[in-house]
Protein backbone atom coordinates (compact mmCIF):
# COMPACT_ATOMS: atom_id res chain seq x y z
CA MET A 1 56.60 -57.31 20.51
CA SER A 2 54.07 -54.69 18.57
CA ILE A 3 50.31 -55.30 19.36
CA ASP A 4 49.64 -52.80 16.64
CA MET A 5 49.02 -55.48 13.84
CA PRO A 6 45.68 -57.10 14.87
CA PHE A 7 43.55 -59.00 12.31
CA GLY A 8 40.32 -56.63 11.79
CA PRO A 9 36.75 -57.06 10.32
CA SER A 10 38.07 -57.36 6.75
CA ASP A 11 40.78 -60.25 7.58
CA THR A 12 38.14 -62.81 6.47
CA ILE A 13 39.38 -66.28 5.09
CA VAL A 14 38.46 -65.59 1.79
CA ASN A 15 40.35 -62.03 1.51
CA LEU A 16 43.37 -63.57 3.00
CA ALA A 17 43.73 -66.40 0.82
CA LYS A 18 43.45 -63.85 -2.19
CA ALA A 19 46.23 -61.82 -0.84
CA ARG A 20 48.20 -64.98 -0.45
CA GLY A 21 47.34 -66.47 -3.72
CA SER A 22 48.16 -63.24 -5.28
CA GLY A 23 51.95 -62.97 -3.53
CA ALA A 24 51.04 -59.79 -1.63
CA LEU A 25 51.03 -62.29 1.47
CA ARG A 26 53.15 -65.13 2.65
CA PHE A 27 51.89 -67.98 5.29
CA THR A 28 54.63 -67.00 7.43
CA ASP A 29 53.42 -63.43 7.74
CA LEU A 30 50.28 -64.63 8.82
CA ALA A 31 51.81 -66.64 11.22
CA MET A 32 54.40 -64.27 12.91
CA ARG A 33 51.67 -61.64 12.93
CA ALA A 34 49.34 -64.24 14.84
CA THR A 35 51.92 -65.27 17.48
CA ASP A 36 53.50 -61.69 17.77
CA ARG A 37 50.14 -60.34 18.66
CA ALA A 38 49.27 -63.14 20.95
CA GLU A 39 52.42 -63.56 22.61
CA ALA A 40 52.20 -59.44 23.13
CA LEU A 41 48.86 -59.51 24.66
CA LYS A 42 49.53 -62.41 26.89
CA GLN A 43 52.57 -60.61 28.15
CA ALA A 44 50.21 -57.75 28.77
CA GLY A 45 47.95 -59.58 31.02
CA SER A 46 45.24 -61.62 28.49
CA HIS A 47 43.98 -64.90 29.39
CA ALA A 48 42.28 -65.73 26.18
CA LEU A 49 45.52 -68.14 25.50
CA THR A 50 46.74 -70.97 27.72
CA ARG A 51 49.68 -71.96 25.43
CA ILE A 52 51.24 -70.44 22.26
CA TRP A 53 53.23 -72.41 19.69
CA ARG A 54 55.35 -70.07 18.01
CA GLU A 55 58.10 -72.26 16.77
CA ASP A 56 55.77 -74.91 15.38
CA SER A 57 53.41 -72.30 13.87
CA LEU A 58 56.27 -70.80 11.94
CA ALA A 59 57.58 -74.05 10.87
CA ALA A 60 54.00 -75.44 9.57
CA ALA A 61 53.87 -71.78 7.82
CA CYS A 62 57.40 -72.16 6.19
CA HIS A 63 56.77 -75.82 5.00
CA GLU A 64 53.38 -74.10 3.36
CA ASP A 65 55.42 -71.13 1.64
CA ARG A 66 57.72 -73.91 0.18
CA LEU A 67 54.86 -75.71 -1.44
CA HIS A 68 53.56 -72.58 -2.68
CA ASP A 69 56.89 -71.66 -4.03
CA GLU A 70 57.00 -75.12 -6.10
CA GLY A 71 53.46 -74.24 -7.07
CA VAL A 72 51.85 -77.00 -5.26
CA PRO A 73 47.62 -75.91 -4.90
CA SER A 74 47.14 -75.08 -1.39
CA ALA A 75 44.94 -77.80 0.22
CA SER A 76 41.88 -75.11 0.84
CA LEU A 77 41.12 -72.04 1.69
CA LEU A 78 42.31 -72.48 5.43
CA ALA A 79 45.95 -73.15 4.12
CA GLY A 80 48.09 -70.82 6.55
CA MET A 81 45.16 -69.51 8.15
CA PRO A 82 46.12 -69.13 12.34
CA ILE A 83 43.31 -70.82 14.07
CA VAL A 84 43.34 -71.53 18.11
CA VAL A 85 41.78 -74.54 19.12
CA LYS A 86 39.76 -74.80 22.73
CA ASP A 87 41.43 -76.72 25.31
CA ASN A 88 39.20 -79.39 25.33
CA PHE A 89 40.39 -80.72 22.16
CA ASP A 90 43.50 -83.04 21.79
CA VAL A 91 46.33 -81.74 20.04
CA ARG A 92 49.36 -84.33 19.30
CA GLY A 93 51.93 -84.28 22.33
CA ASP A 94 50.04 -81.46 24.46
CA VAL A 95 48.21 -82.14 27.53
CA THR A 96 44.68 -81.56 27.23
CA GLN A 97 43.25 -79.77 30.35
CA ALA A 98 40.04 -78.61 29.58
CA GLY A 99 40.31 -75.60 31.78
CA SER A 100 41.29 -77.42 34.87
CA GLY A 101 44.19 -77.72 37.11
CA SER A 102 43.29 -81.33 38.06
CA LEU A 103 44.65 -82.55 34.44
CA ALA A 104 47.94 -80.79 34.46
CA ASN A 105 49.74 -83.89 35.16
CA SER A 106 48.09 -85.86 32.53
CA LEU A 107 49.80 -87.67 29.91
CA PRO A 108 50.00 -85.58 26.42
CA ALA A 109 47.77 -86.49 23.50
CA GLN A 110 49.07 -89.26 21.22
CA ARG A 111 46.85 -87.88 18.32
CA ASP A 112 44.91 -85.04 17.49
CA ALA A 113 41.52 -85.01 17.67
CA GLU A 114 39.65 -85.73 14.46
CA SER A 115 38.47 -82.12 13.85
CA VAL A 116 41.96 -80.62 14.54
CA GLY A 117 43.20 -83.32 11.78
CA HIS A 118 40.72 -81.83 9.51
CA LEU A 119 42.21 -78.42 10.13
CA ARG A 120 45.78 -79.65 9.81
CA ALA A 121 45.10 -81.55 6.82
CA ALA A 122 43.38 -78.33 5.04
CA GLY A 123 46.54 -76.43 5.90
CA ALA A 124 45.46 -74.61 8.73
CA ILE A 125 48.27 -73.45 11.22
CA ILE A 126 47.32 -74.64 14.87
CA VAL A 127 48.78 -71.46 16.83
CA GLY A 128 47.73 -72.39 20.29
CA LYS A 129 45.18 -73.78 22.74
CA SER A 130 42.42 -71.36 24.02
CA ASN A 131 41.38 -70.77 27.66
CA MET A 132 37.90 -72.26 28.93
CA SER A 133 35.42 -72.92 31.65
CA GLU A 134 36.49 -75.80 33.78
CA PHE A 135 35.13 -78.80 32.05
CA ALA A 136 33.01 -76.21 29.83
CA CYS A 137 30.54 -76.34 32.80
CA ASP A 138 30.34 -72.52 33.12
CA ASN A 139 28.59 -69.92 30.72
CA THR A 140 30.30 -66.88 32.28
CA GLY A 141 33.97 -67.94 31.39
CA ALA A 142 35.20 -67.90 34.93
CA ASN A 143 38.09 -70.10 35.42
CA ARG A 144 40.47 -70.11 38.75
CA VAL A 145 43.48 -71.51 36.86
CA PHE A 146 44.16 -69.72 34.06
CA GLY A 147 42.11 -66.89 34.84
CA LEU A 148 39.01 -65.01 33.31
CA PRO A 149 39.29 -63.86 29.88
CA ARG A 150 38.18 -60.12 29.64
CA ASN A 151 36.10 -59.17 26.53
CA PRO A 152 38.25 -57.16 24.01
CA LEU A 153 36.20 -54.58 23.31
CA ASP A 154 35.40 -53.54 27.10
CA ALA A 155 38.31 -55.20 29.46
CA SER A 156 35.69 -54.29 32.60
CA ARG A 157 33.33 -57.09 30.92
CA ILE A 158 33.28 -60.79 30.68
CA CYS A 159 33.34 -62.72 27.38
CA GLY A 160 30.87 -65.71 28.14
CA GLY A 161 31.66 -69.13 28.01
CA SER A 162 32.68 -72.05 27.99
CA SER A 163 34.60 -71.20 24.46
CA SER A 164 35.76 -67.71 26.38
CA GLY A 165 39.35 -67.65 25.33
CA ALA A 166 38.44 -68.76 21.71
CA ALA A 167 35.89 -66.02 21.11
CA ALA A 168 38.72 -63.55 23.09
CA ALA A 169 41.55 -64.65 20.95
CA VAL A 170 39.58 -63.65 17.52
CA ALA A 171 38.14 -60.68 18.85
CA ASP A 172 41.30 -59.39 20.30
CA GLY A 173 42.67 -59.54 16.61
CA SER A 174 45.37 -62.41 17.26
CA MET A 175 43.15 -65.20 15.44
CA VAL A 176 41.55 -65.45 12.02
CA ALA A 177 39.42 -68.15 13.80
CA ALA A 178 38.99 -70.44 16.75
CA LEU A 179 37.61 -73.77 17.38
CA GLY A 180 35.30 -74.57 19.95
CA SER A 181 32.67 -76.98 21.49
CA ASP A 182 28.96 -76.21 21.94
CA THR A 183 26.70 -78.48 24.16
CA GLY A 184 24.37 -75.55 25.60
CA GLY A 185 25.63 -72.34 23.54
CA SER A 186 29.38 -72.49 24.30
CA ILE A 187 30.09 -71.32 21.02
CA ARG A 188 27.21 -68.79 20.02
CA GLN A 189 27.32 -67.19 23.38
CA PRO A 190 30.97 -65.86 23.59
CA ALA A 191 30.58 -64.86 20.13
CA ALA A 192 27.57 -62.92 20.67
CA LEU A 193 29.17 -61.27 23.61
CA CYS A 194 32.16 -60.30 21.53
CA GLY A 195 30.89 -59.30 18.39
CA LEU A 196 31.42 -62.47 16.37
CA VAL A 197 30.02 -65.12 14.27
CA GLY A 198 29.60 -68.35 15.56
CA PHE A 199 28.07 -71.71 14.41
CA LYS A 200 26.69 -74.41 16.01
CA PRO A 201 26.45 -77.19 13.53
CA SER A 202 24.05 -80.24 13.88
CA GLU A 203 24.79 -83.16 16.02
CA GLY A 204 26.55 -85.84 14.34
CA ARG A 205 27.96 -83.39 11.64
CA VAL A 206 31.35 -82.86 13.05
CA SER A 207 33.06 -85.61 14.57
CA THR A 208 33.69 -85.30 18.68
CA ARG A 209 36.43 -87.93 18.37
CA GLY A 210 39.31 -86.63 20.79
CA VAL A 211 37.21 -83.98 22.60
CA LEU A 212 37.11 -84.08 26.15
CA PRO A 213 33.42 -84.39 26.80
CA LEU A 214 31.04 -82.41 28.61
CA SER A 215 27.94 -84.46 27.17
CA THR A 216 28.25 -87.54 24.93
CA THR A 217 24.80 -87.13 24.00
CA LEU A 218 24.68 -82.92 23.14
CA ASP A 219 28.24 -81.93 22.14
CA THR A 220 28.84 -80.28 19.01
CA VAL A 221 32.14 -79.02 17.42
CA GLY A 222 32.19 -75.93 15.31
CA PRO A 223 33.86 -72.48 14.73
CA ILE A 224 33.88 -68.84 16.06
CA ALA A 225 35.00 -65.98 13.02
CA ARG A 226 34.47 -63.13 11.63
CA SER A 227 31.97 -63.98 9.33
CA VAL A 228 29.03 -66.48 8.38
CA GLU A 229 31.27 -67.54 5.05
CA CYS A 230 34.33 -67.88 7.26
CA CYS A 231 32.41 -70.19 9.22
CA GLY A 232 30.98 -71.99 6.48
CA ILE A 233 34.40 -72.93 5.29
CA ILE A 234 35.60 -73.83 8.58
CA ASP A 235 32.43 -76.02 8.78
CA ALA A 236 33.13 -77.57 5.22
CA VAL A 237 36.40 -79.06 6.28
CA LEU A 238 35.16 -79.92 9.73
CA SER A 239 32.51 -82.00 8.07
CA ALA A 240 34.52 -83.51 5.54
CA THR A 241 32.26 -81.79 2.60
CA PRO A 242 33.31 -80.07 -0.17
CA TRP A 243 33.17 -76.28 -0.30
CA ARG A 244 30.71 -74.67 -2.00
CA PRO A 245 30.24 -70.95 -1.97
CA LEU A 246 27.12 -69.94 -0.04
CA PRO A 247 24.56 -68.54 -2.87
CA GLN A 248 23.60 -64.74 -3.04
CA TYR A 249 20.17 -65.45 -1.34
CA PRO A 250 17.71 -62.64 -1.51
CA LEU A 251 15.73 -61.90 1.58
CA HIS A 252 12.62 -61.43 -0.08
CA GLY A 253 10.08 -64.40 0.85
CA VAL A 254 12.37 -65.51 3.31
CA SER A 255 10.50 -66.45 6.24
CA LEU A 256 11.72 -65.94 9.85
CA GLY A 257 9.77 -67.21 12.77
CA VAL A 258 10.06 -64.94 15.49
CA LEU A 259 9.81 -66.82 18.64
CA ARG A 260 7.94 -65.01 21.68
CA ASP A 261 8.08 -67.85 24.31
CA LEU A 262 11.02 -67.56 26.54
CA VAL A 263 13.66 -66.22 24.68
CA LEU A 264 12.13 -62.54 25.07
CA ASP A 265 11.68 -62.06 28.54
CA GLU A 266 13.90 -60.00 30.88
CA LEU A 267 16.00 -58.69 27.88
CA ASP A 268 18.52 -56.11 28.65
CA ARG A 269 17.51 -52.59 26.95
CA PRO A 270 20.05 -52.32 24.36
CA VAL A 271 19.34 -56.14 23.48
CA ALA A 272 15.65 -55.48 23.01
CA ALA A 273 16.20 -52.39 21.35
CA ALA A 274 18.96 -53.94 18.80
CA PHE A 275 16.65 -56.88 18.31
CA GLU A 276 13.59 -55.01 17.11
CA ASN A 277 15.62 -52.50 15.23
CA ALA A 278 17.08 -56.05 13.32
CA LEU A 279 13.76 -57.40 12.57
CA ARG A 280 12.73 -53.79 11.09
CA ILE A 281 15.51 -53.66 8.67
CA LEU A 282 14.91 -57.51 7.73
CA LYS A 283 11.53 -56.49 6.79
CA ASP A 284 12.50 -53.79 5.03
CA ALA A 285 14.70 -56.09 3.02
CA GLY A 286 11.63 -58.40 2.23
CA ALA A 287 11.77 -60.99 4.99
CA THR A 288 8.55 -62.32 6.22
CA VAL A 289 8.40 -62.06 9.89
CA THR A 290 5.92 -63.80 11.49
CA GLU A 291 5.60 -64.19 15.60
CA PHE A 292 4.81 -67.48 16.65
CA SER A 293 4.16 -69.73 20.07
CA TRP A 294 6.39 -72.53 20.96
CA ALA A 295 4.33 -73.62 24.42
CA GLU A 296 7.15 -76.42 25.06
CA LEU A 297 9.47 -73.63 25.96
CA GLN A 298 7.47 -72.32 29.01
CA ARG A 299 7.24 -75.72 30.24
CA PRO A 300 9.88 -76.88 33.19
CA ASP A 301 9.74 -80.56 31.45
CA TRP A 302 12.68 -79.99 28.95
CA ARG A 303 14.65 -77.74 31.31
CA ASP A 304 14.45 -80.36 34.10
CA VAL A 305 15.47 -83.19 31.75
CA PHE A 306 18.64 -81.04 30.31
CA PRO A 307 20.59 -81.44 33.24
CA VAL A 308 19.71 -85.09 33.56
CA ILE A 309 21.32 -86.13 30.62
CA THR A 310 24.12 -83.81 30.71
CA HIS A 311 25.15 -84.46 34.22
CA SER A 312 24.95 -88.09 33.71
CA ASP A 313 27.05 -87.79 30.84
CA ILE A 314 29.84 -85.95 32.54
CA HIS A 315 29.87 -88.30 35.49
CA ALA A 316 29.94 -91.32 33.22
CA CYS A 317 33.26 -89.96 31.53
CA HIS A 318 34.67 -87.90 34.45
CA GLY A 319 33.11 -89.06 37.78
CA ARG A 320 35.48 -91.43 38.94
CA PHE A 321 38.50 -89.06 38.31
CA ALA A 322 36.37 -86.22 39.91
CA GLU A 323 35.95 -88.30 43.07
CA GLU A 324 39.90 -89.07 43.42
CA ASN A 325 40.99 -85.35 42.53
CA ALA A 326 38.10 -83.47 44.26
CA ASP A 327 40.13 -81.01 45.79
CA SER A 328 41.74 -79.67 42.64
CA ILE A 329 38.38 -79.12 40.48
CA GLU A 330 36.35 -76.26 41.27
CA PRO A 331 33.53 -76.68 43.75
CA GLY A 332 30.75 -75.80 41.89
CA VAL A 333 32.00 -78.49 38.58
CA LEU A 334 32.52 -80.81 41.08
CA ARG A 335 28.87 -80.54 41.97
CA ILE A 336 27.80 -80.89 38.60
CA VAL A 337 30.14 -84.11 37.73
CA MET A 338 28.71 -85.44 40.99
CA HIS A 339 25.28 -84.88 40.74
CA GLY A 340 25.22 -87.34 37.44
CA LYS A 341 25.97 -90.05 40.20
CA THR A 342 22.53 -89.75 41.46
CA VAL A 343 20.79 -90.39 38.34
CA SER A 344 19.53 -93.82 37.61
CA PRO A 345 19.79 -95.78 34.25
CA GLN A 346 15.79 -95.69 34.16
CA ASP A 347 15.70 -91.88 34.80
CA ARG A 348 18.19 -91.55 31.84
CA ALA A 349 16.31 -93.36 29.59
CA ASP A 350 13.21 -91.69 30.03
CA ALA A 351 15.09 -88.51 29.56
CA LEU A 352 16.44 -89.65 26.53
CA ALA A 353 13.14 -91.13 25.12
CA PHE A 354 11.34 -87.65 26.13
CA ARG A 355 14.13 -85.60 24.06
CA ASN A 356 13.74 -87.54 21.39
CA ARG A 357 10.08 -87.21 21.12
CA VAL A 358 9.80 -83.61 21.84
CA SER A 359 12.61 -82.99 19.04
CA GLN A 360 10.57 -84.31 16.37
CA GLU A 361 7.54 -81.98 17.49
CA ALA A 362 10.10 -79.06 17.43
CA HIS A 363 11.43 -79.93 13.92
CA ASP A 364 7.71 -79.59 12.73
CA ILE A 365 7.25 -76.58 14.21
CA ILE A 366 10.40 -75.08 13.05
CA ALA A 367 10.14 -76.47 9.54
CA ARG A 368 7.33 -73.94 8.89
CA PHE A 369 9.71 -71.02 8.49
CA HIS A 370 13.31 -70.87 7.18
CA VAL A 371 14.84 -70.40 10.12
CA VAL A 372 13.74 -69.35 13.95
CA VAL A 373 15.19 -66.29 15.49
CA MET A 374 15.79 -64.71 18.63
CA PRO A 375 18.38 -62.57 20.80
CA THR A 376 21.50 -65.11 21.06
CA VAL A 377 22.08 -64.07 24.57
CA PRO A 378 19.46 -61.60 26.63
CA LEU A 379 22.35 -59.48 28.36
CA VAL A 380 24.96 -57.62 27.16
CA ALA A 381 28.37 -58.77 27.87
CA PRO A 382 28.11 -58.60 31.75
CA LEU A 383 30.48 -56.74 34.28
CA VAL A 384 33.44 -58.65 35.66
CA SER A 385 32.60 -57.22 39.32
CA SER A 386 29.12 -58.53 38.71
CA LEU A 387 30.52 -62.15 39.28
CA SER A 388 31.69 -61.32 42.91
CA ASP A 389 28.21 -61.50 44.18
CA PRO A 390 26.91 -65.21 44.08
CA GLU A 391 23.37 -64.70 43.67
CA GLN A 392 23.94 -62.40 40.79
CA ALA A 393 26.56 -64.66 39.00
CA LYS A 394 24.10 -67.77 39.49
CA LYS A 395 21.49 -65.54 37.47
CA ILE A 396 23.81 -64.44 34.79
CA GLU A 397 25.13 -67.83 34.61
CA PHE A 398 21.21 -69.15 33.90
CA MET A 399 20.53 -65.92 31.76
CA ILE A 400 23.45 -66.30 29.40
CA GLY A 401 22.58 -69.98 28.51
CA ARG A 402 18.67 -69.61 28.24
CA ASN A 403 18.06 -68.94 24.45
CA ASN A 404 21.06 -71.03 23.36
CA GLU A 405 20.21 -74.16 25.32
CA PRO A 406 16.68 -74.86 23.12
CA ALA A 407 19.32 -75.28 19.74
CA ASN A 408 21.02 -78.08 21.73
CA PHE A 409 18.24 -79.98 23.36
CA PHE A 410 15.87 -79.94 20.32
CA ASP A 411 18.56 -81.16 18.30
CA CYS A 412 19.15 -77.98 15.72
CA CYS A 413 21.65 -76.09 14.24
CA ALA A 414 22.20 -72.48 14.89
CA VAL A 415 24.37 -69.54 14.12
CA THR A 416 24.83 -65.97 15.62
CA VAL A 417 25.53 -62.65 13.81
CA PRO A 418 26.11 -59.53 15.31
CA CYS A 419 22.96 -57.14 15.35
CA GLN A 420 23.96 -54.19 17.32
CA SER A 421 24.64 -50.52 15.96
CA THR A 422 28.06 -49.03 15.50
CA GLY A 423 29.92 -48.06 18.79
CA ASP A 424 27.47 -50.06 20.79
CA LEU A 425 27.93 -53.12 22.93
CA PRO A 426 27.66 -56.35 21.11
CA VAL A 427 24.23 -58.19 20.47
CA GLY A 428 23.54 -61.43 18.75
CA PHE A 429 21.13 -62.28 16.31
CA LEU A 430 20.48 -65.99 16.45
CA MET A 431 18.98 -68.12 13.43
CA MET A 432 17.97 -71.69 14.30
CA ALA A 433 16.83 -74.57 11.94
CA LYS A 434 16.23 -78.44 12.38
CA ASN A 435 18.89 -80.83 12.53
CA GLY A 436 20.29 -81.30 9.00
CA ASP A 437 19.47 -77.78 7.95
CA ASP A 438 22.93 -76.80 8.02
CA ARG A 439 23.55 -75.45 4.99
CA ARG A 440 20.05 -73.72 4.79
CA VAL A 441 21.00 -71.70 8.29
CA LEU A 442 24.37 -70.76 7.11
CA THR A 443 22.82 -69.75 3.57
CA VAL A 444 20.02 -67.19 5.45
CA ALA A 445 22.51 -66.11 7.73
CA SER A 446 25.00 -64.93 5.28
CA ALA A 447 21.87 -62.88 3.64
CA VAL A 448 20.86 -61.28 7.05
CA GLU A 449 24.38 -60.65 7.73
CA GLU A 450 25.12 -58.86 4.33
CA VAL A 451 21.88 -56.81 4.99
CA PHE A 452 23.30 -55.75 8.49
CA LYS A 453 25.96 -54.29 6.84
CA THR A 454 24.74 -52.60 4.15
CA ARG A 455 21.86 -50.93 6.04
CA GLU A 456 22.09 -48.77 9.09
CA LEU A 457 21.90 -50.52 11.96
CA GLY A 458 20.59 -47.62 14.25
């Protein structure tokens, strides 16, 4: 098998759809290209994917080719695009393992998760399942059952989690895009560390039905892809809204709020340099950059409340199962699940009331700007070897999630785009807006992405 035909930076959904429409590319070409590379990489030791459905993918692609040959218009721009699905999504006929050996003997899903169904209806080819942290409970991507996915840009480094394999499969060139879940940064973190775009939509925008939950309160579903436009196309399908191309949006007069509280503490030197350079470029392009303080982030209240909500949610969903299968669940994950048992109904109610109150206050602050910006992850992708030290691993786990959790807790939408100089390790530039402003944050992100591409980053 050849591994020399990866999907590259120019293989966006729009470009591939144009090639398909002109007859220069067939659906089966895309499916074979994806499955050939994914299988070859898996044989070479990649842990990005846990399952690859070659025959089903080729059959689906052949069906799309027949429709095209008969003159039937494609269902959407996604038609024929190879997409991998994180293994906490139900896929009809497959066991949803969520990165856990404890679920290996579960019954196969009887139907697709609603989001997977939307992708199929749009003509996307579901090529396989991607690896993930067990029950989506870890920011590093560590997985003792399926292995740790390595960062395709530097195999000595991690991808981040929990949608680790999803990001790895796009970054290694085997997939056009991936479907992930985000409860505290699980889409944006690996996207940033792998030099990709990741989009966390507003709560409730995309159905989580058929997704094995981490937190029924905070879970969101979104894409990892090569461009903001790709993420927007997929988001439109997932949210069952008509796709309208993102407008060409000049940055002149766009207000960027640079959050100084918490998110700029202890930055890796390359991250700090890339972020400051990105701000300089955006200022030169006409954006208004305003530093501001959000004192709430410095207080411990919301960080104390965050696990009250998530841990009580995961215990409500999986507590009984975890108790019965404790030996087959990673000890750290088991502790998280069982900690939820200690949360009283009143504590949970108080936590949700607190979140609702401070989220409204946060939206009032954020609404002063078009978007609020920060480094997506304070670190460049950590070395795999750094996880062998428990204390260091704990610090890395915290730091990877630190800048992303506010968007989940304060009920915001957010997107990360790469902002590093050519040849450097990836650094993410995170843009955040209040719930419901998904179109705005994608539009601004598309303009920012274009400026980063056309002006020298470095």
